[in-house]
C-alpha atoms as a PDB file:
ATOM      1  CA  UNK A   1       0.000   0.000   0.000  1.00  0.00           C
ATOM      2  CA  UNK A   2       1.375   3.442  -0.978  1.00  0.00           C
ATOM      3  CA  UNK A   3       0.261   6.774   0.424  1.00  0.00           C
ATOM      4  CA  UNK A   4       0.736   9.989  -1.661  1.00  0.00           C
ATOM      5  CA  UNK A   5      -0.247  12.513   0.972  1.00  0.00           C
ATOM      6  CA  UNK A   6       2.429  15.174   0.430  1.00  0.00           C
ATOM      7  CA  UNK A   7       5.279  16.063  -1.982  1.00  0.00           C
ATOM      8  CA  UNK A   8       8.870  15.318  -1.131  1.00  0.00           C
ATOM      9  CA  UNK A   9      10.957  17.753   0.869  1.00  0.00           C
ATOM     10  CA  UNK A  10      13.148  18.756  -2.051  1.00  0.00           C
ATOM     11  CA  UNK A  11      10.170  19.615  -4.235  1.00  0.00           C
ATOM     12  CA  UNK A  12       8.567  21.743  -1.524  1.00  0.00           C
ATOM     13  CA  UNK A  13      11.794  23.619  -0.750  1.00  0.00           C
ATOM     14  CA  UNK A  14      12.080  24.452  -4.428  1.00  0.00           C
ATOM     15  CA  UNK A  15       8.470  25.703  -4.332  1.00  0.00           C
ATOM     16  CA  UNK A  16       9.259  27.993  -1.393  1.00  0.00           C
ATOM     17  CA  UNK A  17      12.306  29.387  -3.157  1.00  0.00           C
ATOM     18  CA  UNK A  18      10.361  30.253  -6.287  1.00  0.00           C
ATOM     19  CA  UNK A  19       7.480  31.761  -4.327  1.00  0.00           C
ATOM     20  CA  UNK A  20       9.393  34.014  -1.957  1.00  0.00           C
ATOM     21  CA  UNK A  21      12.547  34.839  -3.891  1.00  0.00           C
ATOM     22  CA  UNK A  22      11.443  35.219  -7.489  1.00  0.00           C
ATOM     23  CA  UNK A  23       7.779  36.154  -7.170  1.00  0.00           C
ATOM     24  CA  UNK A  24       7.205  39.910  -7.636  1.00  0.00           C
ATOM     25  CA  UNK A  25       5.687  41.749  -4.744  1.00  0.00           C
ATOM     26  CA  UNK A  26       2.300  43.306  -5.381  1.00  0.00           C
ATOM     27  CA  UNK A  27       1.283  46.833  -4.482  1.00  0.00           C
ATOM     28  CA  UNK A  28      -0.252  47.291  -1.069  1.00  0.00           C
ATOM     29  CA  UNK A  29      -2.703  49.848   0.256  1.00  0.00           C
ATOM     30  CA  UNK A  30       0.040  50.950   2.664  1.00  0.00           C
ATOM     31  CA  UNK A  31       2.539  51.748  -0.110  1.00  0.00           C
ATOM     32  CA  UNK A  32       3.808  55.323  -0.395  1.00  0.00           C
ATOM     33  CA  UNK A  33       1.579  57.372  -2.710  1.00  0.00           C
ATOM     34  CA  UNK A  34       4.536  58.645  -4.738  1.00  0.00           C
ATOM     35  CA  UNK A  35       5.777  55.097  -5.245  1.00  0.00           C
ATOM     36  CA  UNK A  36       2.355  54.048  -6.540  1.00  0.00           C
ATOM     37  CA  UNK A  37       1.903  57.104  -8.791  1.00  0.00           C
ATOM     38  CA  UNK A  38       5.326  56.778 -10.397  1.00  0.00           C
ATOM     39  CA  UNK A  39       4.647  53.084 -11.049  1.00  0.00           C
ATOM     40  CA  UNK A  40       2.107  54.224 -13.623  1.00  0.00           C
ATOM     41  CA  UNK A  41       3.163  54.516 -17.250  1.00  0.00           C
ATOM     42  CA  UNK A  42       1.850  57.007 -19.779  1.00  0.00           C
ATOM     43  CA  UNK A  43       0.088  55.797 -22.936  1.00  0.00           C
ATOM     44  CA  UNK A  44      -0.822  57.994 -25.893  1.00  0.00           C
ATOM     45  CA  UNK A  45      -1.794  56.771 -29.328  1.00  0.00           C
ATOM     46  CA  UNK A  46       0.732  54.250 -30.598  1.00  0.00           C
ATOM     47  CA  UNK A  47       3.276  55.093 -27.905  1.00  0.00           C
ATOM     48  CA  UNK A  48       2.876  52.974 -24.781  1.00  0.00           C
ATOM     49  CA  UNK A  49       4.594  52.487 -21.445  1.00  0.00           C
ATOM     50  CA  UNK A  50       6.335  55.854 -21.050  1.00  0.00           C
ATOM     51  CA  UNK A  51       7.943  56.299 -17.643  1.00  0.00           C
ATOM     52  CA  UNK A  52      10.895  58.109 -16.067  1.00  0.00           C
ATOM     53  CA  UNK A  53      12.297  60.706 -16.754  1.00  0.00           C
ATOM     54  CA  UNK A  54       9.012  61.914 -18.272  1.00  0.00           C
ATOM     55  CA  UNK A  55       5.842  62.999 -16.541  1.00  0.00           C
ATOM     56  CA  UNK A  56       2.362  64.214 -17.455  1.00  0.00           C
ATOM     57  CA  UNK A  57      -1.191  62.882 -17.643  1.00  0.00           C
ATOM     58  CA  UNK A  58      -1.410  60.125 -14.967  1.00  0.00           C
ATOM     59  CA  UNK A  59       2.204  60.685 -13.886  1.00  0.00           C
ATOM     60  CA  UNK A  60       2.601  63.594 -11.403  1.00  0.00           C
ATOM     61  CA  UNK A  61       5.401  66.129 -11.772  1.00  0.00           C
ATOM     62  CA  UNK A  62       7.565  64.443  -9.118  1.00  0.00           C
ATOM     63  CA  UNK A  63       7.869  61.384 -11.373  1.00  0.00           C
ATOM     64  CA  UNK A  64      10.125  63.122 -13.896  1.00  0.00           C
ATOM     65  CA  UNK A  65      12.293  66.114 -14.673  1.00  0.00           C
ATOM     66  CA  UNK A  66      10.428  69.455 -14.821  1.00  0.00           C
ATOM     67  CA  UNK A  67      11.539  70.102 -18.420  1.00  0.00           C
ATOM     68  CA  UNK A  68      10.315  66.716 -19.653  1.00  0.00           C
ATOM     69  CA  UNK A  69       6.563  67.066 -19.418  1.00  0.00           C
ATOM     70  CA  UNK A  70       4.575  65.144 -22.035  1.00  0.00           C
ATOM     71  CA  UNK A  71       1.130  66.042 -23.332  1.00  0.00           C
ATOM     72  CA  UNK A  72      -1.285  63.787 -25.219  1.00  0.00           C
ATOM     73  CA  UNK A  73      -3.072  65.858 -27.877  1.00  0.00           C
ATOM     74  CA  UNK A  74      -5.507  64.048 -30.189  1.00  0.00           C
ATOM     75  CA  UNK A  75      -3.627  60.784 -29.666  1.00  0.00           C
ATOM     76  CA  UNK A  76      -0.324  62.500 -30.518  1.00  0.00           C
ATOM     77  CA  UNK A  77       2.316  62.645 -27.821  1.00  0.00           C
ATOM     78  CA  UNK A  78       3.990  66.059 -27.608  1.00  0.00           C
ATOM     79  CA  UNK A  79       6.780  67.696 -25.663  1.00  0.00           C
ATOM     80  CA  UNK A  80       7.483  71.421 -25.415  1.00  0.00           C
ATOM     81  CA  UNK A  81      11.121  72.435 -25.123  1.00  0.00           C
ATOM     82  CA  UNK A  82      11.776  76.137 -24.589  1.00  0.00           C
ATOM     83  CA  UNK A  83       8.475  77.269 -26.133  1.00  0.00           C
ATOM     84  CA  UNK A  84       8.887  75.034 -29.197  1.00  0.00           C
ATOM     85  CA  UNK A  85       6.530  72.054 -29.415  1.00  0.00           C
ATOM     86  CA  UNK A  86       7.597  68.715 -30.884  1.00  0.00           C
ATOM     87  CA  UNK A  87       5.615  65.646 -31.815  1.00  0.00           C
ATOM     88  CA  UNK A  88       7.087  62.574 -30.159  1.00  0.00           C
ATOM     89  CA  UNK A  89       7.466  59.881 -32.815  1.00  0.00           C
ATOM     90  CA  UNK A  90       8.928  57.233 -30.520  1.00  0.00           C
ATOM     91  CA  UNK A  91      10.722  56.560 -27.244  1.00  0.00           C
ATOM     92  CA  UNK A  92      13.446  53.956 -26.787  1.00  0.00           C
ATOM     93  CA  UNK A  93      14.110  53.210 -23.119  1.00  0.00           C
ATOM     94  CA  UNK A  94      17.034  50.910 -23.913  1.00  0.00           C
ATOM     95  CA  UNK A  95      19.059  53.554 -25.767  1.00  0.00           C
ATOM     96  CA  UNK A  96      17.415  56.346 -23.737  1.00  0.00           C
ATOM     97  CA  UNK A  97      16.474  58.274 -26.865  1.00  0.00           C
ATOM     98  CA  UNK A  98      13.322  59.846 -28.209  1.00  0.00           C
ATOM     99  CA  UNK A  99      12.492  60.692 -31.804  1.00  0.00           C
ATOM    100  CA  UNK A 100      10.769  64.049 -32.296  1.00  0.00           C
ATOM    101  CA  UNK A 101       9.601  66.283 -35.151  1.00  0.00           C
ATOM    102  CA  UNK A 102       8.776  69.969 -35.037  1.00  0.00           C
ATOM    103  CA  UNK A 103       5.020  70.563 -35.105  1.00  0.00           C
ATOM    104  CA  UNK A 104       5.434  73.978 -36.776  1.00  0.00           C
ATOM    105  CA  UNK A 105       6.800  72.181 -39.845  1.00  0.00           C
ATOM    106  CA  UNK A 106       4.034  69.585 -39.965  1.00  0.00           C
ATOM    107  CA  UNK A 107       2.291  71.079 -43.042  1.00  0.00           C
ATOM    108  CA  UNK A 108       4.645  73.612 -44.634  1.00  0.00           C
ATOM    109  CA  UNK A 109       8.154  74.977 -44.412  1.00  0.00           C
ATOM    110  CA  UNK A 110       7.007  78.546 -43.741  1.00  0.00           C
ATOM    111  CA  UNK A 111       6.075  78.691 -40.022  1.00  0.00           C
ATOM    112  CA  UNK A 112       4.564  81.771 -38.416  1.00  0.00           C
ATOM    113  CA  UNK A 113       7.460  82.087 -35.996  1.00  0.00           C
ATOM    114  CA  UNK A 114      10.936  81.385 -37.265  1.00  0.00           C
ATOM    115  CA  UNK A 115      12.698  79.731 -34.354  1.00  0.00           C
ATOM    116  CA  UNK A 116      15.818  77.648 -34.065  1.00  0.00           C
ATOM    117  CA  UNK A 117      15.463  74.052 -32.945  1.00  0.00           C
ATOM    118  CA  UNK A 118      15.826  73.805 -29.191  1.00  0.00           C
ATOM    119  CA  UNK A 119      17.351  71.292 -26.836  1.00  0.00           C
ATOM    120  CA  UNK A 120      18.368  71.144 -23.166  1.00  0.00           C
ATOM    121  CA  UNK A 121      22.120  70.931 -22.580  1.00  0.00           C
ATOM    122  CA  UNK A 122      23.192  68.166 -20.165  1.00  0.00           C
ATOM    123  CA  UNK A 123      19.650  66.726 -20.192  1.00  0.00           C
ATOM    124  CA  UNK A 124      18.600  66.400 -23.853  1.00  0.00           C
ATOM    125  CA  UNK A 125      21.208  66.382 -26.586  1.00  0.00           C
ATOM    126  CA  UNK A 126      21.391  65.438 -30.234  1.00  0.00           C
ATOM    127  CA  UNK A 127      22.340  61.904 -31.179  1.00  0.00           C
ATOM    128  CA  UNK A 128      25.207  60.854 -33.439  1.00  0.00           C
ATOM    129  CA  UNK A 129      22.656  60.080 -36.177  1.00  0.00           C
ATOM    130  CA  UNK A 130      21.571  63.721 -36.542  1.00  0.00           C
ATOM    131  CA  UNK A 131      22.607  65.994 -39.411  1.00  0.00           C
ATOM    132  CA  UNK A 132      21.793  69.686 -39.840  1.00  0.00           C
ATOM    133  CA  UNK A 133      19.905  71.528 -42.575  1.00  0.00           C
ATOM    134  CA  UNK A 134      20.103  75.329 -42.745  1.00  0.00           C
ATOM    135  CA  UNK A 135      16.998  77.208 -43.929  1.00  0.00           C
ATOM    136  CA  UNK A 136      17.078  80.886 -44.958  1.00  0.00           C
ATOM    137  CA  UNK A 137      14.056  83.219 -44.986  1.00  0.00           C
ATOM    138  CA  UNK A 138      13.418  86.718 -46.353  1.00  0.00           C
ATOM    139  CA  UNK A 139      16.218  86.685 -48.864  1.00  0.00           C
ATOM    140  CA  UNK A 140      16.415  89.551 -51.413  1.00  0.00           C
ATOM    141  CA  UNK A 141      15.156  89.005 -54.934  1.00  0.00           C
ATOM    142  CA  UNK A 142      18.057  90.971 -56.362  1.00  0.00           C
ATOM    143  CA  UNK A 143      21.203  88.993 -57.031  1.00  0.00           C
ATOM    144  CA  UNK A 144      19.606  85.630 -56.300  1.00  0.00           C
ATOM    145  CA  UNK A 145      22.087  82.806 -56.912  1.00  0.00           C
ATOM    146  CA  UNK A 146      21.445  79.898 -59.227  1.00  0.00           C
ATOM    147  CA  UNK A 147      23.022  76.879 -57.607  1.00  0.00           C
ATOM    148  CA  UNK A 148      21.938  73.271 -57.208  1.00  0.00           C
ATOM    149  CA  UNK A 149      23.412  73.214 -53.706  1.00  0.00           C
ATOM    150  CA  UNK A 150      21.125  76.078 -52.677  1.00  0.00           C
ATOM    151  CA  UNK A 151      17.526  75.201 -53.700  1.00  0.00           C
ATOM    152  CA  UNK A 152      14.978  78.023 -53.643  1.00  0.00           C
ATOM    153  CA  UNK A 153      11.355  77.968 -52.454  1.00  0.00           C
ATOM    154  CA  UNK A 154       8.604  80.606 -52.262  1.00  0.00           C
ATOM    155  CA  UNK A 155       7.259  81.467 -48.851  1.00  0.00           C
ATOM    156  CA  UNK A 156       4.443  83.506 -47.300  1.00  0.00           C
ATOM    157  CA  UNK A 157       4.635  84.382 -43.625  1.00  0.00           C
ATOM    158  CA  UNK A 158       2.094  86.711 -42.016  1.00  0.00           C
ATOM    159  CA  UNK A 159       0.803  87.756 -45.464  1.00  0.00           C
ATOM    160  CA  UNK A 160       4.293  88.643 -46.572  1.00  0.00           C
ATOM    161  CA  UNK A 161       5.728  87.065 -49.700  1.00  0.00           C
ATOM    162  CA  UNK A 162       9.379  86.154 -49.486  1.00  0.00           C
ATOM    163  CA  UNK A 163      12.015  83.933 -50.974  1.00  0.00           C
ATOM    164  CA  UNK A 164      13.684  81.150 -49.060  1.00  0.00           C
ATOM    165  CA  UNK A 165      16.640  78.821 -49.548  1.00  0.00           C
ATOM    166  CA  UNK A 166      17.999  75.748 -47.827  1.00  0.00           C
ATOM    167  CA  UNK A 167      21.272  73.921 -47.942  1.00  0.00           C
ATOM    168  CA  UNK A 168      22.726  70.708 -46.548  1.00  0.00           C
ATOM    169  CA  UNK A 169      26.246  72.133 -46.528  1.00  0.00           C
ATOM    170  CA  UNK A 170      27.332  73.380 -43.134  1.00  0.00           C
ATOM    171  CA  UNK A 171      30.407  74.987 -44.674  1.00  0.00           C
ATOM    172  CA  UNK A 172      29.807  76.574 -48.056  1.00  0.00           C
ATOM    173  CA  UNK A 173      33.499  77.232 -48.558  1.00  0.00           C
ATOM    174  CA  UNK A 174      33.823  73.682 -49.874  1.00  0.00           C
ATOM    175  CA  UNK A 175      32.048  74.898 -53.043  1.00  0.00           C
ATOM    176  CA  UNK A 176      35.171  76.645 -54.226  1.00  0.00           C
ATOM    177  CA  UNK A 177      35.127  79.866 -56.229  1.00  0.00           C
ATOM    178  CA  UNK A 178      31.367  80.366 -56.017  1.00  0.00           C
ATOM    179  CA  UNK A 179      31.366  80.058 -52.252  1.00  0.00           C
ATOM    180  CA  UNK A 180      32.155  83.705 -51.482  1.00  0.00           C
ATOM    181  CA  UNK A 181      29.249  85.091 -53.519  1.00  0.00           C
ATOM    182  CA  UNK A 182      26.818  82.578 -51.998  1.00  0.00           C
ATOM    183  CA  UNK A 183      27.947  83.347 -48.467  1.00  0.00           C
ATOM    184  CA  UNK A 184      27.640  87.088 -49.126  1.00  0.00           C
ATOM    185  CA  UNK A 185      24.123  86.730 -50.522  1.00  0.00           C
ATOM    186  CA  UNK A 186      22.825  84.492 -47.699  1.00  0.00           C
ATOM    187  CA  UNK A 187      24.149  86.967 -45.143  1.00  0.00           C
ATOM    188  CA  UNK A 188      21.617  89.478 -46.498  1.00  0.00           C
ATOM    189  CA  UNK A 189      18.662  87.195 -45.701  1.00  0.00           C
ATOM    190  CA  UNK A 190      16.507  88.318 -42.760  1.00  0.00           C
ATOM    191  CA  UNK A 191      16.403  85.006 -40.876  1.00  0.00           C
ATOM    192  CA  UNK A 192      18.067  81.621 -40.852  1.00  0.00           C
ATOM    193  CA  UNK A 193      17.573  78.577 -38.691  1.00  0.00           C
ATOM    194  CA  UNK A 194      19.231  75.210 -38.271  1.00  0.00           C
ATOM    195  CA  UNK A 195      17.043  72.105 -38.135  1.00  0.00           C
ATOM    196  CA  UNK A 196      18.438  68.637 -37.384  1.00  0.00           C
ATOM    197  CA  UNK A 197      17.409  65.592 -39.414  1.00  0.00           C
ATOM    198  CA  UNK A 198      18.089  61.910 -39.231  1.00  0.00           C
ATOM    199  CA  UNK A 199      20.915  60.724 -41.450  1.00  0.00           C
ATOM    200  CA  UNK A 200      18.517  58.795 -43.700  1.00  0.00           C
ATOM    201  CA  UNK A 201      16.300  61.868 -44.217  1.00  0.00           C
ATOM    202  CA  UNK A 202      19.372  64.021 -44.777  1.00  0.00           C
ATOM    203  CA  UNK A 203      20.534  61.739 -47.571  1.00  0.00           C
ATOM    204  CA  UNK A 204      17.116  62.003 -49.222  1.00  0.00           C
ATOM    205  CA  UNK A 205      17.510  65.785 -49.439  1.00  0.00           C
ATOM    206  CA  UNK A 206      20.956  65.420 -50.962  1.00  0.00           C
ATOM    207  CA  UNK A 207      19.578  63.167 -53.670  1.00  0.00           C
ATOM    208  CA  UNK A 208      16.353  65.177 -54.209  1.00  0.00           C
ATOM    209  CA  UNK A 209      16.896  68.821 -53.160  1.00  0.00           C
ATOM    210  CA  UNK A 210      13.322  70.086 -53.447  1.00  0.00           C
ATOM    211  CA  UNK A 211      10.999  71.940 -51.083  1.00  0.00           C
ATOM    212  CA  UNK A 212       8.635  68.949 -51.015  1.00  0.00           C
ATOM    213  CA  UNK A 213      11.453  66.617 -50.034  1.00  0.00           C
ATOM    214  CA  UNK A 214      12.597  69.071 -47.361  1.00  0.00           C
ATOM    215  CA  UNK A 215       9.119  69.045 -45.777  1.00  0.00           C
ATOM    216  CA  UNK A 216       8.968  65.252 -45.892  1.00  0.00           C
ATOM    217  CA  UNK A 217      12.397  64.921 -44.303  1.00  0.00           C
ATOM    218  CA  UNK A 218      11.533  67.409 -41.560  1.00  0.00           C
ATOM    219  CA  UNK A 219       8.518  65.314 -40.600  1.00  0.00           C
ATOM    220  CA  UNK A 220      10.698  62.224 -40.222  1.00  0.00           C
ATOM    221  CA  UNK A 221      12.140  63.965 -37.195  1.00  0.00           C
ATOM    222  CA  UNK A 222      15.461  63.628 -35.411  1.00  0.00           C
ATOM    223  CA  UNK A 223      16.806  62.008 -32.273  1.00  0.00           C
ATOM    224  CA  UNK A 224      17.412  63.334 -28.785  1.00  0.00           C
ATOM    225  CA  UNK A 225      19.275  61.427 -26.096  1.00  0.00           C
ATOM    226  CA  UNK A 226      18.499  62.016 -22.433  1.00  0.00           C
ATOM    227  CA  UNK A 227      20.857  61.893 -19.493  1.00  0.00           C
ATOM    228  CA  UNK A 228      18.666  62.108 -16.387  1.00  0.00           C
ATOM    229  CA  UNK A 229      20.750  60.457 -13.658  1.00  0.00           C
ATOM    230  CA  UNK A 230      20.602  57.252 -15.690  1.00  0.00           C
ATOM    231  CA  UNK A 231      22.917  55.179 -13.475  1.00  0.00           C
ATOM    232  CA  UNK A 232      21.068  56.247 -10.322  1.00  0.00           C
ATOM    233  CA  UNK A 233      17.761  55.202 -11.877  1.00  0.00           C
ATOM    234  CA  UNK A 234      19.208  51.781 -12.746  1.00  0.00           C
ATOM    235  CA  UNK A 235      20.260  51.311  -9.110  1.00  0.00           C
ATOM    236  CA  UNK A 236      16.862  52.433  -7.847  1.00  0.00           C
ATOM    237  CA  UNK A 237      14.920  50.106 -10.135  1.00  0.00           C
ATOM    238  CA  UNK A 238      17.109  47.118  -9.290  1.00  0.00           C
ATOM    239  CA  UNK A 239      16.288  47.670  -5.610  1.00  0.00           C
ATOM    240  CA  UNK A 240      12.543  47.650  -6.344  1.00  0.00           C
ATOM    241  CA  UNK A 241      12.033  51.415  -6.344  1.00  0.00           C
ATOM    242  CA  UNK A 242      10.544  53.919  -8.791  1.00  0.00           C
ATOM    243  CA  UNK A 243      12.681  56.712 -10.233  1.00  0.00           C
ATOM    244  CA  UNK A 244      11.581  60.291  -9.706  1.00  0.00           C
ATOM    245  CA  UNK A 245      12.606  63.879  -9.137  1.00  0.00           C
ATOM    246  CA  UNK A 246      12.524  65.851  -5.903  1.00  0.00           C
ATOM    247  CA  UNK A 247      11.160  69.308  -6.658  1.00  0.00           C
ATOM    248  CA  UNK A 248      12.484  70.689  -3.364  1.00  0.00           C
ATOM    249  CA  UNK A 249      16.069  69.470  -3.618  1.00  0.00           C
ATOM    250  CA  UNK A 250      15.999  69.602  -7.457  1.00  0.00           C
ATOM    251  CA  UNK A 251      17.689  66.225  -7.564  1.00  0.00           C
ATOM    252  CA  UNK A 252      17.016  62.613  -8.372  1.00  0.00           C
ATOM    253  CA  UNK A 253      15.111  60.570  -5.805  1.00  0.00           C
ATOM    254  CA  UNK A 254      14.158  56.922  -5.460  1.00  0.00           C
ATOM    255  CA  UNK A 255      10.549  56.302  -4.383  1.00  0.00           C
ATOM    256  CA  UNK A 256      10.248  53.143  -2.294  1.00  0.00           C
ATOM    257  CA  UNK A 257       7.196  51.381  -0.899  1.00  0.00           C
ATOM    258  CA  UNK A 258       7.712  52.811   2.583  1.00  0.00           C
ATOM    259  CA  UNK A 259       9.314  56.193   1.881  1.00  0.00           C
ATOM    260  CA  UNK A 260      11.598  58.003  -0.602  1.00  0.00           C
ATOM    261  CA  UNK A 261      15.313  57.260  -0.498  1.00  0.00           C
ATOM    262  CA  UNK A 262      18.223  59.061  -2.074  1.00  0.00           C
ATOM    263  CA  UNK A 263      19.426  56.288  -4.384  1.00  0.00           C
ATOM    264  CA  UNK A 264      17.926  52.864  -3.624  1.00  0.00           C
ATOM    265  CA  UNK A 265      15.446  50.991  -1.462  1.00  0.00           C
ATOM    266  CA  UNK A 266      16.485  48.783   1.442  1.00  0.00           C
ATOM    267  CA  UNK A 267      16.125  45.106   0.701  1.00  0.00           C
ATOM    268  CA  UNK A 268      14.044  43.796   3.585  1.00  0.00           C
ATOM    269  CA  UNK A 269      10.990  41.510   3.505  1.00  0.00           C
ATOM    270  CA  UNK A 270       7.655  43.065   4.401  1.00  0.00           C
ATOM    271  CA  UNK A 271       5.561  41.893   7.327  1.00  0.00           C
ATOM    272  CA  UNK A 272       3.152  40.201   4.945  1.00  0.00           C
ATOM    273  CA  UNK A 273       5.980  38.285   3.318  1.00  0.00           C
ATOM    274  CA  UNK A 274       7.420  37.255   6.703  1.00  0.00           C
ATOM    275  CA  UNK A 275       4.000  36.131   7.917  1.00  0.00           C
ATOM    276  CA  UNK A 276       3.391  34.190   4.707  1.00  0.00           C
ATOM    277  CA  UNK A 277       6.803  32.586   4.938  1.00  0.00           C
ATOM    278  CA  UNK A 278       6.258  31.585   8.562  1.00  0.00           C
ATOM    279  CA  UNK A 279       2.831  30.122   7.809  1.00  0.00           C
ATOM    280  CA  UNK A 280       4.154  28.223   4.819  1.00  0.00           C
ATOM    281  CA  UNK A 281       7.132  26.856   6.769  1.00  0.00           C
ATOM    282  CA  UNK A 282       4.820  25.812   9.635  1.00  0.00           C
ATOM    283  CA  UNK A 283       2.631  24.028   7.110  1.00  0.00           C
ATOM    284  CA  UNK A 284       5.671  22.361   5.598  1.00  0.00           C
ATOM    285  CA  UNK A 285       7.051  21.045   8.893  1.00  0.00           C
ATOM    286  CA  UNK A 286       3.599  19.959  10.080  1.00  0.00           C
ATOM    287  CA  UNK A 287       3.086  18.075   6.838  1.00  0.00           C
ATOM    288  CA  UNK A 288       6.561  16.583   7.159  1.00  0.00           C
ATOM    289  CA  UNK A 289       5.727  15.252  10.632  1.00  0.00           C
ATOM    290  CA  UNK A 290       2.446  13.870   9.288  1.00  0.00           C
ATOM    291  CA  UNK A 291       4.319  12.245   6.459  1.00  0.00           C
ATOM    292  CA  UNK A 292       6.744  10.664   8.944  1.00  0.00           C
ATOM    293  CA  UNK A 293       3.916   9.347  11.105  1.00  0.00           C
ATOM    294  CA  UNK A 294       2.152   7.931   8.070  1.00  0.00           C
ATOM    295  CA  UNK A 295       5.335   6.232   6.984  1.00  0.00           C
ATOM    296  CA  UNK A 296       5.833   4.710  10.439  1.00  0.00           C
ATOM    297  CA  UNK A 297       2.206   3.560  10.529  1.00  0.00           C
ATOM    298  CA  UNK A 298       2.589   1.999   7.119  1.00  0.00           C
ATOM    299  CA  UNK A 299       5.739   0.183   8.275  1.00  0.00           C
ATOM    300  CA  UNK A 300       4.049  -1.117  11.442  1.00  0.00           C
ATOM    301  CA  UNK A 301       1.048  -2.290   9.421  1.00  0.00           C
ATOM    302  CA  UNK A 302       3.334  -3.992   6.926  1.00  0.00           C
ATOM    303  CA  UNK A 303       5.390  -5.695   9.681  1.00  0.00           C
ATOM    304  CA  UNK A 304       2.216  -6.942  11.416  1.00  0.00           C
ATOM    305  CA  UNK A 305       0.776  -8.271   8.167  1.00  0.00           C
ATOM    306  CA  UNK A 306       3.979 -10.098   7.303  1.00  0.00           C
ATOM    307  CA  UNK A 307       4.143 -11.577  10.816  1.00  0.00           C
ATOM    308  CA  UNK A 308       0.546 -12.879  10.678  1.00  0.00           C
ATOM    309  CA  UNK A 309       1.152 -14.297   7.232  1.00  0.00           C
ATOM    310  CA  UNK A 310       4.239 -16.104   8.443  1.00  0.00           C
ATOM    311  CA  UNK A 311       2.343 -17.493  11.498  1.00  0.00           C
ATOM    312  CA  UNK A 312      -0.501 -18.709   9.345  1.00  0.00           C
ATOM    313  CA  UNK A 313       1.912 -20.344   6.945  1.00  0.00           C
ATOM    314  CA  UNK A 314       3.734 -22.040   9.814  1.00  0.00           C
ATOM    315  CA  UNK A 315       0.423 -23.211  11.308  1.00  0.00           C
ATOM    316  CA  UNK A 316      -0.757 -24.674   8.026  1.00  0.00           C
ATOM    317  CA  UNK A 317       2.576 -26.361   7.511  1.00  0.00           C
ATOM    318  CA  UNK A 318       2.476 -27.886  11.033  1.00  0.00           C
ATOM    319  CA  UNK A 319      -1.077 -29.208  10.619  1.00  0.00           C
ATOM    320  CA  UNK A 320      -0.150 -30.758   7.301  1.00  0.00           C
ATOM    321  CA  UNK A 321       2.835 -32.552   8.814  1.00  0.00           C
ATOM    322  CA  UNK A 322       0.639 -33.884  11.685  1.00  0.00           C
ATOM    323  CA  UNK A 323      -1.888 -35.365   9.244  1.00  0.00           C
ATOM    324  CA  UNK A 324       0.876 -37.017   7.219  1.00  0.00           C
ATOM    325  CA  UNK A 325       2.391 -38.544  10.384  1.00  0.00           C
ATOM    326  CA  UNK A 326      -1.066 -39.829  11.548  1.00  0.00           C
ATOM    327  CA  UNK A 327      -1.783 -41.423   8.175  1.00  0.00           C
ATOM    328  CA  UNK A 328       1.579 -43.173   8.238  1.00  0.00           C
ATOM    329  CA  UNK A 329       0.802 -44.594  11.722  1.00  0.00           C
ATOM    330  CA  UNK A 330      -2.620 -45.887  10.625  1.00  0.00           C
ATOM    331  CA  UNK A 331      -1.195 -47.549   7.517  1.00  0.00           C
ATOM    332  CA  UNK A 332       1.515 -49.268   9.576  1.00  0.00           C
ATOM    333  CA  UNK A 333      -1.057 -50.571  12.133  1.00  0.00           C
ATOM    334  CA  UNK A 334      -3.387 -51.915   9.443  1.00  0.00           C
ATOM    335  CA  UNK A 335      -0.571 -53.800   7.756  1.00  0.00           C
ATOM    336  CA  UNK A 336       0.251 -55.672  11.011  1.00  0.00           C
ATOM    337  CA  UNK A 337      -3.307 -56.859  11.664  1.00  0.00           C
ATOM    338  CA  UNK A 338      -3.884 -60.623  11.121  1.00  0.00           C
END
């Protein structure tokens, strides 16, 4: 008879290890509010799961850097950097980069306000994949150059007709003898701005230098790389915390379940975990004792059964021998009768 009342010790120890070491802890009603709020991710349109160092919508301002507020407008994620709004095309948490495109160039290359592309030094910087295009506005009609490296486009800004040019050459002196006249003419233009593009979009302009191609390339956007205490955030997340920003100290902070910490959360089991572990261990040892008692009972039952079987076999064997001996005696007696 076999009894399968409880798993083996090794199997149950493995179960405990998986449950209490690898199982993620769930949020509790007693968790710090900032920890819970910064656990939320921001979703907008096709872009999902946006977290630190950004904030906005369901993520309060203490969950990210003040300059990195995101806004969801008609299912388009946007970020405003120094009064210039960009459409967020994508966010890559692994490379810590975001792809953005200027919203003022969404439909034409003649915006109402002519502003240079903005960034935030030491927080948001261009990536190595970015290349610059220079756009000139309000250039004089007299002495206009005719050059394939300086395409022209008509422009109307605030009901004013003007002529514009753009070039992919950062240094026009490479053009040789014609460079001086081009540089002199472009210096007479009223405005000029520099707009970054991705390398792939930049190459498209070089191969097809038209105003339509310029607009299409501008809408492909460019990359920005953030550096928002990246290593500190890695440490915080590995300790089970949520990365954030302390508005008072203007520095990185790590939001833990109990309270904020400077860099990381202390690794200590919660009361619920300790209680669960104790209960589970008590159950394990109680079951182990039960298993031992069952095994001993089974052994006693087996020993008793074997003993009775042996006694019965011995008894049957003895009775058989007695009958054989009696039959032999009777046969011997009958053979001696006259």
